[in-house]
Each structure stands twice: as C-alpha cells, then as structure tokens.
PDB file of all heavy atoms in Angstrom:
ATOM      1  N   TYR A   1     138.570 131.925  64.940  1.00  0.00           N
ATOM      2  CA  TYR A   1     138.248 133.227  64.278  1.00  0.00           C
ATOM      3  C   TYR A   1     137.301 132.982  63.107  1.00  0.00           C
ATOM      4  O   TYR A   1     136.258 133.681  62.957  1.00  0.00           O
ATOM      5  CB  TYR A   1     139.552 133.859  63.781  1.00  0.00           C
ATOM      6  CG  TYR A   1     139.290 135.069  62.914  1.00  0.00           C
ATOM      7  CD1 TYR A   1     138.994 136.335  63.528  1.00  0.00           C
ATOM      8  CD2 TYR A   1     139.425 134.998  61.554  1.00  0.00           C
ATOM      9  CE1 TYR A   1     138.815 137.452  62.718  1.00  0.00           C
ATOM     10  CE2 TYR A   1     139.212 136.114  60.776  1.00  0.00           C
ATOM     11  CZ  TYR A   1     138.906 137.337  61.325  1.00  0.00           C
ATOM     12  OH  TYR A   1     138.693 138.477  60.572  1.00  0.00           O
ATOM     13  N   VAL A   2     137.642 131.988  62.279  1.00  0.00           N
ATOM     14  CA  VAL A   2     136.750 131.674  61.115  1.00  0.00           C
ATOM     15  C   VAL A   2     135.381 131.221  61.522  1.00  0.00           C
ATOM     16  O   VAL A   2     134.394 131.642  60.921  1.00  0.00           O
ATOM     17  CB  VAL A   2     137.465 130.658  60.197  1.00  0.00           C
ATOM     18  CG1 VAL A   2     136.533 130.174  59.064  1.00  0.00           C
ATOM     19  CG2 VAL A   2     138.762 131.210  59.600  1.00  0.00           C
ATOM     20  N   ALA A   3     135.380 130.350  62.567  1.00  0.00           N
ATOM     21  CA  ALA A   3     134.069 129.837  63.015  1.00  0.00           C
ATOM     22  C   ALA A   3     133.115 130.939  63.487  1.00  0.00           C
ATOM     23  O   ALA A   3     131.946 130.968  63.192  1.00  0.00           O
ATOM     24  CB  ALA A   3     134.277 128.848  64.128  1.00  0.00           C
ATOM     25  N   ARG A   4     133.653 131.919  64.235  1.00  0.00           N
ATOM     26  CA  ARG A   4     132.907 133.068  64.743  1.00  0.00           C
ATOM     27  C   ARG A   4     132.508 133.984  63.600  1.00  0.00           C
ATOM     28  O   ARG A   4     131.352 134.457  63.542  1.00  0.00           O
ATOM     29  CB  ARG A   4     133.639 133.799  65.856  1.00  0.00           C
ATOM     30  CG  ARG A   4     133.781 133.005  67.148  1.00  0.00           C
ATOM     31  CD  ARG A   4     134.382 133.865  68.217  1.00  0.00           C
ATOM     32  NE  ARG A   4     135.744 134.278  67.930  1.00  0.00           N
ATOM     33  CZ  ARG A   4     136.780 133.628  68.194  1.00  0.00           C
ATOM     34  NH1 ARG A   4     136.707 132.451  68.855  1.00  0.00           N
ATOM     35  NH2 ARG A   4     138.034 134.084  67.920  1.00  0.00           N
ATOM     36  N   ARG A   5     133.439 134.260  62.771  1.00  0.00           N
ATOM     37  CA  ARG A   5     133.148 135.196  61.645  1.00  0.00           C
ATOM     38  C   ARG A   5     132.158 134.689  60.661  1.00  0.00           C
ATOM     39  O   ARG A   5     131.247 135.439  60.189  1.00  0.00           O
ATOM     40  CB  ARG A   5     134.475 135.513  60.927  1.00  0.00           C
ATOM     41  CG  ARG A   5     134.281 136.630  59.872  1.00  0.00           C
ATOM     42  CD  ARG A   5     135.686 136.985  59.276  1.00  0.00           C
ATOM     43  NE  ARG A   5     135.560 138.036  58.276  1.00  0.00           N
ATOM     44  CZ  ARG A   5     135.454 139.351  58.541  1.00  0.00           C
ATOM     45  NH1 ARG A   5     135.578 139.736  59.863  1.00  0.00           N
ATOM     46  NH2 ARG A   5     135.425 140.227  57.568  1.00  0.00           N
ATOM     47  N   ARG A   6     132.230 133.368  60.330  1.00  0.00           N
ATOM     48  CA  ARG A   6     131.304 132.736  59.400  1.00  0.00           C
ATOM     49  C   ARG A   6     130.080 132.084  60.133  1.00  0.00           C
ATOM     50  O   ARG A   6     129.266 131.455  59.471  1.00  0.00           O
ATOM     51  CB  ARG A   6     132.030 131.696  58.574  1.00  0.00           C
ATOM     52  CG  ARG A   6     133.172 132.318  57.756  1.00  0.00           C
ATOM     53  CD  ARG A   6     133.994 131.299  57.009  1.00  0.00           C
ATOM     54  NE  ARG A   6     133.148 130.591  56.031  1.00  0.00           N
ATOM     55  CZ  ARG A   6     133.682 129.760  55.067  1.00  0.00           C
ATOM     56  NH1 ARG A   6     134.992 129.587  55.043  1.00  0.00           N
ATOM     57  NH2 ARG A   6     132.918 129.147  54.242  1.00  0.00           N
ATOM     58  N   LYS A   7     129.973 132.286  61.392  1.00  0.00           N
ATOM     59  CA  LYS A   7     128.864 131.739  62.195  1.00  0.00           C
ATOM     60  C   LYS A   7     128.800 130.208  61.970  1.00  0.00           C
ATOM     61  O   LYS A   7     127.744 129.655  61.755  1.00  0.00           O
ATOM     62  CB  LYS A   7     127.564 132.377  61.816  1.00  0.00           C
ATOM     63  CG  LYS A   7     127.550 133.883  62.153  1.00  0.00           C
ATOM     64  CD  LYS A   7     126.232 134.493  61.745  1.00  0.00           C
ATOM     65  CE  LYS A   7     126.184 135.998  62.071  1.00  0.00           C
ATOM     66  NZ  LYS A   7     124.909 136.638  61.711  1.00  0.00           N
ATOM     67  N   GLN A   8     129.936 129.560  62.076  1.00  0.00           N
ATOM     68  CA  GLN A   8     130.019 128.087  61.903  1.00  0.00           C
ATOM     69  C   GLN A   8     130.512 127.369  63.192  1.00  0.00           C
ATOM     70  O   GLN A   8     131.183 126.428  63.064  1.00  0.00           O
ATOM     71  CB  GLN A   8     130.867 127.699  60.687  1.00  0.00           C
ATOM     72  CG  GLN A   8     130.295 128.150  59.386  1.00  0.00           C
ATOM     73  CD  GLN A   8     131.150 127.766  58.194  1.00  0.00           C
ATOM     74  OE1 GLN A   8     132.345 127.654  58.317  1.00  0.00           O
ATOM     75  NE2 GLN A   8     130.531 127.579  57.071  1.00  0.00           N
ATOM     76  N   VAL A   9     130.174 127.960  64.333  1.00  0.00           N
ATOM     77  CA  VAL A   9     130.505 127.316  65.578  1.00  0.00           C
ATOM     78  C   VAL A   9     129.628 126.060  65.781  1.00  0.00           C
ATOM     79  O   VAL A   9     128.350 126.189  65.776  1.00  0.00           O
ATOM     80  CB  VAL A   9     130.283 128.263  66.753  1.00  0.00           C
ATOM     81  CG1 VAL A   9     130.650 127.546  68.102  1.00  0.00           C
ATOM     82  CG2 VAL A   9     131.169 129.518  66.604  1.00  0.00           C
ATOM     83  N   THR A  10     130.185 124.854  65.830  1.00  0.00           N
ATOM     84  CA  THR A  10     129.418 123.641  65.909  1.00  0.00           C
ATOM     85  C   THR A  10     129.826 122.834  67.128  1.00  0.00           C
ATOM     86  O   THR A  10     130.903 122.996  67.695  1.00  0.00           O
ATOM     87  CB  THR A  10     129.680 122.765  64.657  1.00  0.00           C
ATOM     88  OG1 THR A  10     131.071 122.325  64.662  1.00  0.00           O
ATOM     89  CG2 THR A  10     129.397 123.523  63.365  1.00  0.00           C
ATOM     90  N   PRO A  11     128.920 121.961  67.581  1.00  0.00           N
ATOM     91  CA  PRO A  11     129.274 121.065  68.729  1.00  0.00           C
ATOM     92  C   PRO A  11     130.525 120.280  68.442  1.00  0.00           C
ATOM     93  O   PRO A  11     131.340 120.017  69.345  1.00  0.00           O
ATOM     94  CB  PRO A  11     128.014 120.263  68.898  1.00  0.00           C
ATOM     95  CG  PRO A  11     126.909 121.053  68.333  1.00  0.00           C
ATOM     96  CD  PRO A  11     127.495 121.765  67.194  1.00  0.00           C
ATOM     97  N   LEU A  12     130.612 119.715  67.203  1.00  0.00           N
ATOM     98  CA  LEU A  12     131.783 118.898  66.868  1.00  0.00           C
ATOM     99  C   LEU A  12     133.072 119.747  66.928  1.00  0.00           C
ATOM    100  O   LEU A  12     134.118 119.298  67.518  1.00  0.00           O
ATOM    101  CB  LEU A  12     131.651 118.414  65.419  1.00  0.00           C
ATOM    102  CG  LEU A  12     132.815 117.598  64.870  1.00  0.00           C
ATOM    103  CD1 LEU A  12     133.023 116.314  65.667  1.00  0.00           C
ATOM    104  CD2 LEU A  12     132.595 117.212  63.407  1.00  0.00           C
ATOM    105  N   GLY A  13     133.035 120.986  66.479  1.00  0.00           N
ATOM    106  CA  GLY A  13     134.236 121.821  66.603  1.00  0.00           C
ATOM    107  C   GLY A  13     134.567 122.191  67.984  1.00  0.00           C
ATOM    108  O   GLY A  13     135.757 122.185  68.397  1.00  0.00           O
ATOM    109  N   GLN A  14     133.566 122.412  68.848  1.00  0.00           N
ATOM    110  CA  GLN A  14     133.819 122.717  70.256  1.00  0.00           C
ATOM    111  C   GLN A  14     134.405 121.510  70.974  1.00  0.00           C
ATOM    112  O   GLN A  14     135.134 121.674  71.921  1.00  0.00           O
ATOM    113  CB  GLN A  14     132.493 123.123  70.910  1.00  0.00           C
ATOM    114  CG  GLN A  14     132.016 124.509  70.414  1.00  0.00           C
ATOM    115  CD  GLN A  14     130.632 124.855  70.983  1.00  0.00           C
ATOM    116  OE1 GLN A  14     129.830 123.991  71.225  1.00  0.00           O
ATOM    117  NE2 GLN A  14     130.443 126.134  71.239  1.00  0.00           N
ATOM    118  N   MET A  15     134.103 120.319  70.509  1.00  0.00           N
ATOM    119  CA  MET A  15     134.639 119.085  71.127  1.00  0.00           C
ATOM    120  C   MET A  15     136.071 118.861  70.619  1.00  0.00           C
ATOM    121  O   MET A  15     136.951 118.521  71.380  1.00  0.00           O
ATOM    122  CB  MET A  15     133.778 117.883  70.814  1.00  0.00           C
ATOM    123  CG  MET A  15     134.270 116.582  71.333  1.00  0.00           C
ATOM    124  SD  MET A  15     133.436 115.139  70.798  1.00  0.00           S
ATOM    125  CE  MET A  15     134.020 115.148  69.052  1.00  0.00           C
ATOM    126  N   MET A  16     136.306 119.006  69.338  1.00  0.00           N
ATOM    127  CA  MET A  16     137.605 118.653  68.716  1.00  0.00           C
ATOM    128  C   MET A  16     138.677 119.704  69.027  1.00  0.00           C
ATOM    129  O   MET A  16     139.835 119.340  69.183  1.00  0.00           O
ATOM    130  CB  MET A  16     137.472 118.571  67.176  1.00  0.00           C
ATOM    131  CG  MET A  16     136.778 117.329  66.722  1.00  0.00           C
ATOM    132  SD  MET A  16     137.269 117.000  64.966  1.00  0.00           S
ATOM    133  CE  MET A  16     136.977 118.606  64.204  1.00  0.00           C
ATOM    134  N   ASP A  17     138.312 120.992  69.172  1.00  0.00           N
ATOM    135  CA  ASP A  17     139.315 122.018  69.370  1.00  0.00           C
ATOM    136  C   ASP A  17     140.203 121.829  70.622  1.00  0.00           C
ATOM    137  O   ASP A  17     141.412 121.752  70.475  1.00  0.00           O
ATOM    138  CB  ASP A  17     138.633 123.379  69.399  1.00  0.00           C
ATOM    139  CG  ASP A  17     139.673 124.520  69.461  1.00  0.00           C
ATOM    140  OD1 ASP A  17     140.426 124.702  68.444  1.00  0.00           O
ATOM    141  OD2 ASP A  17     139.699 125.220  70.453  1.00  0.00           O
ATOM    142  N   PRO A  18     139.586 121.638  71.782  1.00  0.00           N
ATOM    143  CA  PRO A  18     140.473 121.405  72.986  1.00  0.00           C
ATOM    144  C   PRO A  18     141.214 120.032  72.911  1.00  0.00           C
ATOM    145  O   PRO A  18     142.343 119.965  73.425  1.00  0.00           O
ATOM    146  CB  PRO A  18     139.503 121.416  74.125  1.00  0.00           C
ATOM    147  CG  PRO A  18     138.133 121.161  73.568  1.00  0.00           C
ATOM    148  CD  PRO A  18     138.224 121.757  72.192  1.00  0.00           C
ATOM    149  N   LEU A  19     140.610 119.058  72.261  1.00  0.00           N
ATOM    150  CA  LEU A  19     141.295 117.795  72.083  1.00  0.00           C
ATOM    151  C   LEU A  19     142.542 117.961  71.214  1.00  0.00           C
ATOM    152  O   LEU A  19     143.572 117.391  71.560  1.00  0.00           O
ATOM    153  CB  LEU A  19     140.340 116.781  71.496  1.00  0.00           C
ATOM    154  CG  LEU A  19     140.928 115.403  71.106  1.00  0.00           C
ATOM    155  CD1 LEU A  19     141.413 114.698  72.368  1.00  0.00           C
ATOM    156  CD2 LEU A  19     139.888 114.532  70.387  1.00  0.00           C
ATOM    157  N   ALA A  20     142.407 118.694  70.109  1.00  0.00           N
ATOM    158  CA  ALA A  20     143.516 118.919  69.258  1.00  0.00           C
ATOM    159  C   ALA A  20     144.657 119.706  69.958  1.00  0.00           C
ATOM    160  O   ALA A  20     145.810 119.380  69.805  1.00  0.00           O
ATOM    161  CB  ALA A  20     143.091 119.667  67.990  1.00  0.00           C
ATOM    162  N   ASP A  21     144.248 120.691  70.771  1.00  0.00           N
ATOM    163  CA  ASP A  21     145.237 121.440  71.560  1.00  0.00           C
ATOM    164  C   ASP A  21     146.095 120.541  72.498  1.00  0.00           C
ATOM    165  O   ASP A  21     147.264 120.612  72.523  1.00  0.00           O
ATOM    166  CB  ASP A  21     144.590 122.522  72.354  1.00  0.00           C
ATOM    167  CG  ASP A  21     143.933 123.593  71.470  1.00  0.00           C
ATOM    168  OD1 ASP A  21     144.329 123.695  70.255  1.00  0.00           O
ATOM    169  OD2 ASP A  21     143.078 124.375  71.966  1.00  0.00           O
ATOM    170  N   LYS A  22     145.314 119.683  73.170  1.00  0.00           N
ATOM    171  CA  LYS A  22     145.986 118.815  74.205  1.00  0.00           C
ATOM    172  C   LYS A  22     146.876 117.808  73.501  1.00  0.00           C
ATOM    173  O   LYS A  22     148.003 117.508  73.995  1.00  0.00           O
ATOM    174  CB  LYS A  22     144.906 118.129  75.044  1.00  0.00           C
ATOM    175  CG  LYS A  22     144.239 119.083  76.013  1.00  0.00           C
ATOM    176  CD  LYS A  22     143.115 118.357  76.765  1.00  0.00           C
ATOM    177  CE  LYS A  22     142.515 119.269  77.794  1.00  0.00           C
ATOM    178  NZ  LYS A  22     141.971 120.538  77.202  1.00  0.00           N
ATOM    179  N   LEU A  23     146.487 117.256  72.392  1.00  0.00           N
ATOM    180  CA  LEU A  23     147.265 116.281  71.671  1.00  0.00           C
ATOM    181  C   LEU A  23     148.589 116.976  71.151  1.00  0.00           C
ATOM    182  O   LEU A  23     149.659 116.410  71.300  1.00  0.00           O
ATOM    183  CB  LEU A  23     146.511 115.738  70.425  1.00  0.00           C
ATOM    184  CG  LEU A  23     145.415 114.719  70.758  1.00  0.00           C
ATOM    185  CD1 LEU A  23     144.646 114.349  69.481  1.00  0.00           C
ATOM    186  CD2 LEU A  23     145.967 113.414  71.377  1.00  0.00           C
ATOM    187  N   LEU A  24     148.443 118.164  70.664  1.00  0.00           N
ATOM    188  CA  LEU A  24     149.648 118.880  70.078  1.00  0.00           C
ATOM    189  C   LEU A  24     150.608 119.196  71.137  1.00  0.00           C
ATOM    190  O   LEU A  24     151.805 118.883  71.040  1.00  0.00           O
ATOM    191  CB  LEU A  24     149.135 120.126  69.361  1.00  0.00           C
ATOM    192  CG  LEU A  24     150.267 120.977  68.745  1.00  0.00           C
ATOM    193  CD1 LEU A  24     151.005 120.221  67.660  1.00  0.00           C
ATOM    194  CD2 LEU A  24     149.726 122.284  68.186  1.00  0.00           C
ATOM    195  N   THR A  25     150.173 119.821  72.223  1.00  0.00           N
ATOM    196  CA  THR A  25     151.117 120.269  73.283  1.00  0.00           C
ATOM    197  C   THR A  25     151.661 119.049  74.057  1.00  0.00           C
ATOM    198  O   THR A  25     152.855 119.084  74.395  1.00  0.00           O
ATOM    199  CB  THR A  25     150.420 121.265  74.271  1.00  0.00           C
ATOM    200  OG1 THR A  25     149.216 120.620  74.830  1.00  0.00           O
ATOM    201  CG2 THR A  25     150.029 122.560  73.569  1.00  0.00           C
ATOM    202  N   SER A  26     150.844 118.073  74.270  1.00  0.00           N
ATOM    203  CA  SER A  26     151.314 116.852  75.030  1.00  0.00           C
ATOM    204  C   SER A  26     152.400 116.177  74.208  1.00  0.00           C
ATOM    205  O   SER A  26     153.396 115.755  74.754  1.00  0.00           O
ATOM    206  CB  SER A  26     150.156 115.980  75.330  1.00  0.00           C
ATOM    207  OG  SER A  26     149.261 116.548  76.242  1.00  0.00           O
ATOM    208  N   ALA A  27     152.153 115.986  72.904  1.00  0.00           N
ATOM    209  CA  ALA A  27     153.117 115.302  72.020  1.00  0.00           C
ATOM    210  C   ALA A  27     154.439 116.062  72.002  1.00  0.00           C
ATOM    211  O   ALA A  27     155.509 115.481  72.021  1.00  0.00           O
ATOM    212  CB  ALA A  27     152.517 115.142  70.639  1.00  0.00           C
ATOM    213  N   ALA A  28     154.326 117.395  71.885  1.00  0.00           N
ATOM    214  CA  ALA A  28     155.536 118.201  71.868  1.00  0.00           C
ATOM    215  C   ALA A  28     156.318 118.133  73.155  1.00  0.00           C
ATOM    216  O   ALA A  28     157.545 117.984  73.159  1.00  0.00           O
ATOM    217  CB  ALA A  28     155.179 119.651  71.565  1.00  0.00           C
ATOM    218  N   PHE A  29     155.645 118.244  74.298  1.00  0.00           N
ATOM    219  CA  PHE A  29     156.312 118.238  75.577  1.00  0.00           C
ATOM    220  C   PHE A  29     156.984 116.867  75.828  1.00  0.00           C
ATOM    221  O   PHE A  29     158.081 116.742  76.331  1.00  0.00           O
ATOM    222  CB  PHE A  29     155.322 118.522  76.714  1.00  0.00           C
ATOM    223  CG  PHE A  29     155.178 119.954  76.967  1.00  0.00           C
ATOM    224  CD1 PHE A  29     153.903 120.528  77.090  1.00  0.00           C
ATOM    225  CD2 PHE A  29     156.291 120.806  77.125  1.00  0.00           C
ATOM    226  CE1 PHE A  29     153.742 121.887  77.332  1.00  0.00           C
ATOM    227  CE2 PHE A  29     156.094 122.178  77.391  1.00  0.00           C
ATOM    228  CZ  PHE A  29     154.859 122.726  77.481  1.00  0.00           C
ATOM    229  N   ILE A  30     156.258 115.759  75.506  1.00  0.00           N
ATOM    230  CA  ILE A  30     156.844 114.427  75.703  1.00  0.00           C
ATOM    231  C   ILE A  30     158.068 114.230  74.844  1.00  0.00           C
ATOM    232  O   ILE A  30     159.054 113.609  75.224  1.00  0.00           O
ATOM    233  CB  ILE A  30     155.738 113.383  75.450  1.00  0.00           C
ATOM    234  CG1 ILE A  30     154.667 113.429  76.531  1.00  0.00           C
ATOM    235  CG2 ILE A  30     156.390 111.925  75.421  1.00  0.00           C
ATOM    236  CD1 ILE A  30     153.469 112.556  76.239  1.00  0.00           C
ATOM    237  N   SER A  31     157.966 114.775  73.585  1.00  0.00           N
ATOM    238  CA  SER A  31     159.165 114.629  72.736  1.00  0.00           C
ATOM    239  C   SER A  31     160.352 115.437  73.288  1.00  0.00           C
ATOM    240  O   SER A  31     161.492 115.018  73.221  1.00  0.00           O
ATOM    241  CB  SER A  31     158.796 115.214  71.352  1.00  0.00           C
ATOM    242  OG  SER A  31     157.790 114.435  70.728  1.00  0.00           O
ATOM    243  N   LEU A  32     160.094 116.611  73.891  1.00  0.00           N
ATOM    244  CA  LEU A  32     161.151 117.387  74.478  1.00  0.00           C
ATOM    245  C   LEU A  32     161.772 116.694  75.709  1.00  0.00           C
ATOM    246  O   LEU A  32     162.982 116.797  75.924  1.00  0.00           O
ATOM    247  CB  LEU A  32     160.612 118.800  74.857  1.00  0.00           C
ATOM    248  CG  LEU A  32     160.237 119.710  73.715  1.00  0.00           C
ATOM    249  CD1 LEU A  32     159.565 120.974  74.237  1.00  0.00           C
ATOM    250  CD2 LEU A  32     161.484 120.083  72.910  1.00  0.00           C
ATOM    251  N   VAL A  33     160.934 115.941  76.460  1.00  0.00           N
ATOM    252  CA  VAL A  33     161.476 115.180  77.532  1.00  0.00           C
ATOM    253  C   VAL A  33     162.406 114.097  76.983  1.00  0.00           C
ATOM    254  O   VAL A  33     163.501 113.877  77.494  1.00  0.00           O
ATOM    255  CB  VAL A  33     160.359 114.555  78.369  1.00  0.00           C
ATOM    256  CG1 VAL A  33     160.896 113.565  79.377  1.00  0.00           C
ATOM    257  CG2 VAL A  33     159.561 115.630  79.116  1.00  0.00           C
ATOM    258  N   GLN A  34     161.982 113.393  75.942  1.00  0.00           N
ATOM    259  CA  GLN A  34     162.769 112.349  75.337  1.00  0.00           C
ATOM    260  C   GLN A  34     164.113 112.886  74.821  1.00  0.00           C
ATOM    261  O   GLN A  34     165.142 112.241  74.841  1.00  0.00           O
ATOM    262  CB  GLN A  34     162.004 111.733  74.181  1.00  0.00           C
ATOM    263  CG  GLN A  34     162.720 110.641  73.448  1.00  0.00           C
ATOM    264  CD  GLN A  34     163.042 109.397  74.280  1.00  0.00           C
ATOM    265  OE1 GLN A  34     162.326 109.132  75.279  1.00  0.00           O
ATOM    266  NE2 GLN A  34     164.132 108.699  73.926  1.00  0.00           N
TER     267      GLN A  34
END
C-alpha cells in the first residue's frame, strides 16, 4: 500500500516481498508441525 501510494515500487521490493511471505508462512507451518 505504501509503495503504491508513495510511488516507491522498486525491483528490490518486488523481489523481497514474496521471499518474505514464503519465509514467514513456511516457518510458521513447520513450527506447527513440530
């Protein structure tokens, strides 16, 4: 939301955003399995 509103969409952000999502959900799911 902030990136679009402030026109700060960057290649770095586009790369990190899905990576951060996958790390967060994967870590949570693996912990729940444990």
